[in-house]
Amino acid sequence: MKERKKIIWIGSSKKDLLALSKEVQGMLGYGLNLAQQGLRDTDTKILKGFGGGSVIEIIKSDPCGTYRAVYSIRFEDVIYVLHIFQKKSKAGIATPKTDIDLIKNRLKDALKIHRELYESS
């Protein structure tokens, strides 16, 4: 059996998850747990614009709205959680530009952290 991947939370992503309801935390947490096992929740999709399918989005809904957890599977042994948020845009299913920009910046941070932790030894 494959070893479970480590999760590294980027920016305020863990705090943002913990600020959501216990039900939403459970739904998103289950999806992240599957990711740690190298699997995918049925409610995931590749987030376009990040090349190669290495940025994944879990999409869950409850009566209060739609929630997303965005993470990177670019590296074999680590899942980088980039952003957790409630989608508030009323303009279709597209991820708002402010969230995309935040994800791009946090992905850069994740790459830097990964180099420092794993590639400099």
N, C-alpha and C. Protein backbone atom coordinates (compact mmCIF):
# COMPACT_ATOMS: atom_id res chain seq x y z
N MET A 1 0.84 -1.19 0.00
CA MET A 1 0.00 0.00 0.00
C MET A 1 0.88 1.25 0.00
N LYS A 2 0.48 2.21 -0.80
CA LYS A 2 1.25 3.45 -0.89
C LYS A 2 1.18 4.24 0.41
N GLU A 3 2.27 4.92 0.69
CA GLU A 3 2.29 5.77 1.87
C GLU A 3 1.41 7.01 1.64
N ARG A 4 0.74 7.41 2.69
CA ARG A 4 -0.10 8.60 2.64
C ARG A 4 0.72 9.84 2.38
N LYS A 5 0.22 10.70 1.49
CA LYS A 5 0.92 11.94 1.19
C LYS A 5 0.74 12.93 2.33
N LYS A 6 1.77 13.69 2.57
CA LYS A 6 1.73 14.74 3.59
C LYS A 6 0.93 15.93 3.04
N ILE A 7 0.21 16.63 3.93
CA ILE A 7 -0.48 17.86 3.53
C ILE A 7 0.29 19.05 4.09
N ILE A 8 0.53 20.03 3.23
CA ILE A 8 1.10 21.31 3.66
C ILE A 8 0.08 22.38 3.28
N TRP A 9 -0.32 23.16 4.27
CA TRP A 9 -1.32 24.21 4.10
C TRP A 9 -0.60 25.50 3.74
N ILE A 10 -1.03 26.15 2.68
CA ILE A 10 -0.40 27.39 2.22
C ILE A 10 -1.30 28.57 2.61
N GLY A 11 -0.63 29.64 3.08
CA GLY A 11 -1.38 30.84 3.46
C GLY A 11 -2.38 30.55 4.57
N SER A 12 -3.58 31.07 4.41
CA SER A 12 -4.62 30.92 5.44
C SER A 12 -5.54 29.74 5.15
N SER A 13 -5.14 28.82 4.27
CA SER A 13 -6.06 27.77 3.84
C SER A 13 -6.59 26.91 4.99
N LYS A 14 -5.75 26.54 5.94
CA LYS A 14 -6.24 25.71 7.06
C LYS A 14 -7.19 26.51 7.94
N LYS A 15 -6.82 27.75 8.23
CA LYS A 15 -7.69 28.61 9.04
C LYS A 15 -9.04 28.82 8.33
N ASP A 16 -8.98 28.97 7.01
CA ASP A 16 -10.21 29.16 6.24
C ASP A 16 -11.10 27.92 6.30
N LEU A 17 -10.49 26.74 6.25
CA LEU A 17 -11.27 25.51 6.38
C LEU A 17 -11.93 25.42 7.75
N LEU A 18 -11.16 25.72 8.79
CA LEU A 18 -11.68 25.62 10.14
C LEU A 18 -12.77 26.66 10.46
N ALA A 19 -12.85 27.71 9.64
CA ALA A 19 -13.89 28.73 9.83
C ALA A 19 -15.23 28.31 9.24
N LEU A 20 -15.24 27.24 8.45
CA LEU A 20 -16.48 26.77 7.83
C LEU A 20 -17.24 25.86 8.80
N SER A 21 -18.48 25.55 8.45
CA SER A 21 -19.29 24.67 9.31
C SER A 21 -18.64 23.29 9.40
N LYS A 22 -18.96 22.56 10.45
CA LYS A 22 -18.41 21.21 10.64
C LYS A 22 -18.78 20.31 9.47
N GLU A 23 -19.99 20.47 8.93
CA GLU A 23 -20.42 19.65 7.80
C GLU A 23 -19.56 19.90 6.57
N VAL A 24 -19.31 21.17 6.27
CA VAL A 24 -18.48 21.52 5.11
C VAL A 24 -17.04 21.09 5.35
N GLN A 25 -16.55 21.29 6.57
CA GLN A 25 -15.20 20.81 6.90
C GLN A 25 -15.08 19.31 6.63
N GLY A 26 -16.11 18.57 7.02
CA GLY A 26 -16.10 17.13 6.81
C GLY A 26 -16.08 16.75 5.34
N MET A 27 -16.90 17.44 4.54
CA MET A 27 -16.96 17.14 3.11
C MET A 27 -15.63 17.44 2.42
N LEU A 28 -15.09 18.64 2.68
CA LEU A 28 -13.82 19.01 2.05
C LEU A 28 -12.67 18.18 2.61
N GLY A 29 -12.72 17.93 3.91
CA GLY A 29 -11.69 17.11 4.55
C GLY A 29 -11.64 15.70 4.00
N TYR A 30 -12.80 15.14 3.72
CA TYR A 30 -12.87 13.80 3.13
C TYR A 30 -12.18 13.80 1.76
N GLY A 31 -12.46 14.83 0.96
CA GLY A 31 -11.82 14.94 -0.36
C GLY A 31 -10.31 15.07 -0.26
N LEU A 32 -9.84 15.85 0.71
CA LEU A 32 -8.39 16.00 0.91
C LEU A 32 -7.78 14.70 1.42
N ASN A 33 -8.52 13.98 2.25
CA ASN A 33 -8.06 12.68 2.73
C ASN A 33 -7.87 11.71 1.56
N LEU A 34 -8.83 11.69 0.64
CA LEU A 34 -8.69 10.85 -0.54
C LEU A 34 -7.45 11.25 -1.35
N ALA A 35 -7.23 12.57 -1.49
CA ALA A 35 -6.06 13.06 -2.23
C ALA A 35 -4.77 12.56 -1.59
N GLN A 36 -4.73 12.52 -0.27
CA GLN A 36 -3.54 12.02 0.43
C GLN A 36 -3.28 10.55 0.09
N GLN A 37 -4.32 9.83 -0.27
CA GLN A 37 -4.19 8.42 -0.62
C GLN A 37 -3.95 8.22 -2.12
N GLY A 38 -3.85 9.33 -2.86
CA GLY A 38 -3.64 9.24 -4.29
C GLY A 38 -4.92 9.02 -5.07
N LEU A 39 -6.05 9.27 -4.42
CA LEU A 39 -7.37 9.09 -5.03
C LEU A 39 -8.02 10.45 -5.24
N ARG A 40 -9.21 10.43 -5.88
CA ARG A 40 -9.94 11.68 -6.07
C ARG A 40 -11.38 11.53 -5.66
N ASP A 41 -11.88 12.53 -4.96
CA ASP A 41 -13.29 12.64 -4.62
C ASP A 41 -14.09 12.73 -5.93
N THR A 42 -15.31 12.25 -5.90
CA THR A 42 -16.14 12.32 -7.11
C THR A 42 -16.48 13.76 -7.50
N ASP A 43 -16.38 14.68 -6.57
CA ASP A 43 -16.70 16.09 -6.83
C ASP A 43 -15.43 16.92 -7.07
N THR A 44 -14.52 16.39 -7.86
CA THR A 44 -13.30 17.14 -8.18
C THR A 44 -13.23 17.41 -9.67
N LYS A 45 -12.44 18.43 -9.99
CA LYS A 45 -12.13 18.71 -11.40
C LYS A 45 -10.77 19.38 -11.44
N ILE A 46 -10.16 19.31 -12.60
CA ILE A 46 -8.89 20.01 -12.81
C ILE A 46 -9.21 21.49 -12.95
N LEU A 47 -8.46 22.32 -12.24
CA LEU A 47 -8.65 23.76 -12.35
C LEU A 47 -7.86 24.24 -13.56
N LYS A 48 -8.56 24.73 -14.53
CA LYS A 48 -7.94 25.14 -15.80
C LYS A 48 -7.06 26.38 -15.60
N GLY A 49 -6.03 26.48 -16.45
CA GLY A 49 -5.16 27.64 -16.42
C GLY A 49 -3.88 27.42 -15.63
N PHE A 50 -3.70 26.20 -15.11
CA PHE A 50 -2.51 25.93 -14.31
C PHE A 50 -1.61 24.88 -14.95
N GLY A 51 -1.95 24.46 -16.15
CA GLY A 51 -1.11 23.55 -16.93
C GLY A 51 -0.99 22.15 -16.38
N GLY A 52 -1.24 21.20 -17.22
CA GLY A 52 -0.94 19.81 -16.91
C GLY A 52 -1.82 19.12 -15.89
N GLY A 53 -2.85 19.73 -15.40
CA GLY A 53 -3.75 19.06 -14.46
C GLY A 53 -3.20 18.85 -13.08
N SER A 54 -2.24 19.67 -12.67
CA SER A 54 -1.65 19.47 -11.34
C SER A 54 -2.35 20.26 -10.24
N VAL A 55 -3.32 21.11 -10.61
CA VAL A 55 -4.09 21.85 -9.61
C VAL A 55 -5.53 21.35 -9.70
N ILE A 56 -6.01 20.82 -8.57
CA ILE A 56 -7.31 20.16 -8.49
C ILE A 56 -8.23 20.96 -7.57
N GLU A 57 -9.51 20.92 -7.89
CA GLU A 57 -10.51 21.64 -7.12
C GLU A 57 -11.59 20.66 -6.66
N ILE A 58 -11.84 20.65 -5.36
CA ILE A 58 -12.96 19.89 -4.80
C ILE A 58 -14.12 20.88 -4.67
N ILE A 59 -15.29 20.49 -5.16
CA ILE A 59 -16.46 21.38 -5.13
C ILE A 59 -17.56 20.69 -4.33
N LYS A 60 -17.99 21.31 -3.25
CA LYS A 60 -19.05 20.75 -2.40
C LYS A 60 -20.10 21.83 -2.14
N SER A 61 -21.33 21.41 -1.98
CA SER A 61 -22.42 22.36 -1.71
C SER A 61 -23.23 21.91 -0.52
N ASP A 62 -23.82 22.88 0.15
CA ASP A 62 -24.82 22.64 1.18
C ASP A 62 -25.87 23.73 1.03
N PRO A 63 -26.90 23.76 1.86
CA PRO A 63 -27.94 24.78 1.69
C PRO A 63 -27.45 26.23 1.76
N CYS A 64 -26.28 26.45 2.36
CA CYS A 64 -25.75 27.82 2.49
C CYS A 64 -24.88 28.25 1.32
N GLY A 65 -24.51 27.33 0.43
CA GLY A 65 -23.69 27.74 -0.70
C GLY A 65 -22.79 26.65 -1.23
N THR A 66 -21.85 27.08 -2.07
CA THR A 66 -20.88 26.19 -2.70
C THR A 66 -19.49 26.52 -2.16
N TYR A 67 -18.74 25.47 -1.85
CA TYR A 67 -17.42 25.62 -1.24
C TYR A 67 -16.40 24.90 -2.09
N ARG A 68 -15.19 25.42 -2.09
CA ARG A 68 -14.12 24.84 -2.89
C ARG A 68 -12.84 24.70 -2.08
N ALA A 69 -12.17 23.61 -2.32
CA ALA A 69 -10.82 23.38 -1.79
C ALA A 69 -9.93 23.16 -3.00
N VAL A 70 -8.88 23.96 -3.12
CA VAL A 70 -7.97 23.87 -4.25
C VAL A 70 -6.62 23.39 -3.74
N TYR A 71 -6.10 22.35 -4.40
CA TYR A 71 -4.82 21.80 -3.97
C TYR A 71 -3.98 21.39 -5.17
N SER A 72 -2.69 21.26 -4.93
CA SER A 72 -1.76 20.87 -5.98
C SER A 72 -1.25 19.46 -5.74
N ILE A 73 -1.24 18.66 -6.81
CA ILE A 73 -0.68 17.30 -6.75
C ILE A 73 0.58 17.22 -7.60
N ARG A 74 1.21 18.34 -7.78
CA ARG A 74 2.39 18.41 -8.64
C ARG A 74 3.54 17.53 -8.14
N PHE A 75 3.62 17.37 -6.83
CA PHE A 75 4.72 16.62 -6.24
C PHE A 75 4.23 15.27 -5.73
N GLU A 76 5.07 14.26 -5.87
CA GLU A 76 4.68 12.88 -5.59
C GLU A 76 4.23 12.62 -4.15
N ASP A 77 4.91 13.17 -3.18
CA ASP A 77 4.65 12.80 -1.78
C ASP A 77 3.95 13.87 -0.95
N VAL A 78 3.61 15.00 -1.57
CA VAL A 78 3.03 16.13 -0.80
C VAL A 78 1.83 16.70 -1.54
N ILE A 79 0.78 16.99 -0.77
CA ILE A 79 -0.38 17.73 -1.27
C ILE A 79 -0.26 19.14 -0.69
N TYR A 80 -0.26 20.14 -1.55
CA TYR A 80 -0.25 21.53 -1.09
C TYR A 80 -1.66 22.08 -1.21
N VAL A 81 -2.27 22.41 -0.06
CA VAL A 81 -3.61 23.00 -0.08
C VAL A 81 -3.42 24.49 -0.28
N LEU A 82 -3.94 25.00 -1.40
CA LEU A 82 -3.68 26.37 -1.81
C LEU A 82 -4.76 27.35 -1.38
N HIS A 83 -6.01 26.90 -1.36
CA HIS A 83 -7.10 27.85 -1.08
C HIS A 83 -8.36 27.08 -0.72
N ILE A 84 -9.05 27.57 0.30
CA ILE A 84 -10.36 27.05 0.71
C ILE A 84 -11.28 28.26 0.75
N PHE A 85 -12.42 28.17 0.06
CA PHE A 85 -13.30 29.34 0.05
C PHE A 85 -14.73 28.97 -0.31
N GLN A 86 -15.62 29.88 0.04
CA GLN A 86 -17.01 29.77 -0.39
C GLN A 86 -17.16 30.59 -1.65
N LYS A 87 -17.66 29.96 -2.69
CA LYS A 87 -17.83 30.66 -3.96
C LYS A 87 -19.01 31.61 -3.85
N LYS A 88 -18.75 32.88 -4.10
CA LYS A 88 -19.79 33.88 -3.94
C LYS A 88 -20.21 34.50 -5.27
N SER A 89 -19.47 34.21 -6.33
CA SER A 89 -19.78 34.79 -7.63
C SER A 89 -21.13 34.33 -8.13
N LYS A 90 -21.88 35.23 -8.66
CA LYS A 90 -23.18 34.90 -9.24
C LYS A 90 -23.07 34.73 -10.75
N ALA A 91 -21.86 34.90 -11.29
CA ALA A 91 -21.66 34.85 -12.74
C ALA A 91 -21.25 33.44 -13.18
N GLY A 92 -22.15 32.48 -13.04
CA GLY A 92 -21.88 31.13 -13.51
C GLY A 92 -20.95 30.36 -12.61
N ILE A 93 -20.32 29.33 -13.21
CA ILE A 93 -19.48 28.43 -12.41
C ILE A 93 -18.02 28.83 -12.38
N ALA A 94 -17.66 29.86 -13.12
CA ALA A 94 -16.26 30.27 -13.18
C ALA A 94 -15.74 30.71 -11.82
N THR A 95 -14.49 30.36 -11.55
CA THR A 95 -13.85 30.81 -10.31
C THR A 95 -13.50 32.29 -10.47
N PRO A 96 -13.88 33.12 -9.49
CA PRO A 96 -13.59 34.55 -9.59
C PRO A 96 -12.10 34.84 -9.75
N LYS A 97 -11.79 35.90 -10.49
CA LYS A 97 -10.40 36.28 -10.78
C LYS A 97 -9.58 36.51 -9.51
N THR A 98 -10.19 37.11 -8.50
CA THR A 98 -9.44 37.35 -7.26
C THR A 98 -8.99 36.02 -6.63
N ASP A 99 -9.85 35.00 -6.71
CA ASP A 99 -9.48 33.69 -6.18
C ASP A 99 -8.41 33.03 -7.06
N ILE A 100 -8.53 33.16 -8.37
CA ILE A 100 -7.51 32.59 -9.28
C ILE A 100 -6.16 33.24 -9.01
N ASP A 101 -6.14 34.56 -8.85
CA ASP A 101 -4.88 35.26 -8.57
C ASP A 101 -4.27 34.79 -7.25
N LEU A 102 -5.11 34.61 -6.23
CA LEU A 102 -4.63 34.12 -4.94
C LEU A 102 -4.06 32.71 -5.08
N ILE A 103 -4.74 31.86 -5.84
CA ILE A 103 -4.26 30.49 -6.06
C ILE A 103 -2.92 30.52 -6.78
N LYS A 104 -2.78 31.36 -7.79
CA LYS A 104 -1.50 31.46 -8.52
C LYS A 104 -0.37 31.87 -7.59
N ASN A 105 -0.63 32.87 -6.73
CA ASN A 105 0.41 33.33 -5.79
C ASN A 105 0.75 32.24 -4.79
N ARG A 106 -0.25 31.53 -4.30
CA ARG A 106 0.02 30.48 -3.32
C ARG A 106 0.71 29.28 -3.96
N LEU A 107 0.44 29.02 -5.23
CA LEU A 107 1.15 27.95 -5.93
C LEU A 107 2.64 28.31 -6.02
N LYS A 108 2.94 29.57 -6.31
CA LYS A 108 4.35 30.02 -6.32
C LYS A 108 4.98 29.82 -4.95
N ASP A 109 4.22 30.16 -3.88
CA ASP A 109 4.72 29.95 -2.52
C ASP A 109 4.98 28.46 -2.26
N ALA A 110 4.07 27.61 -2.73
CA ALA A 110 4.22 26.16 -2.53
C ALA A 110 5.47 25.64 -3.23
N LEU A 111 5.72 26.13 -4.44
CA LEU A 111 6.91 25.71 -5.18
C LEU A 111 8.18 26.11 -4.43
N LYS A 112 8.16 27.31 -3.89
CA LYS A 112 9.32 27.80 -3.12
C LYS A 112 9.52 26.94 -1.86
N ILE A 113 8.43 26.69 -1.15
CA ILE A 113 8.51 25.86 0.07
C ILE A 113 9.02 24.46 -0.27
N HIS A 114 8.51 23.90 -1.37
CA HIS A 114 8.92 22.56 -1.75
C HIS A 114 10.42 22.50 -2.06
N ARG A 115 10.90 23.49 -2.77
CA ARG A 115 12.34 23.54 -3.07
C ARG A 115 13.15 23.60 -1.78
N GLU A 116 12.71 24.46 -0.85
CA GLU A 116 13.45 24.61 0.41
C GLU A 116 13.42 23.33 1.24
N LEU A 117 12.28 22.64 1.27
CA LEU A 117 12.14 21.44 2.11
C LEU A 117 12.73 20.19 1.50
N TYR A 118 12.59 20.03 0.19
CA TYR A 118 12.90 18.75 -0.42
C TYR A 118 14.03 18.75 -1.44
N GLU A 119 14.31 19.90 -2.04
CA GLU A 119 15.29 19.89 -3.11
C GLU A 119 16.64 20.49 -2.72
N SER A 120 16.71 21.09 -1.55
CA SER A 120 17.98 21.73 -1.17
C SER A 120 18.88 20.80 -0.37
N SER A 121 18.40 19.57 -0.07
CA SER A 121 19.24 18.67 0.73
C SER A 121 20.24 17.92 -0.08
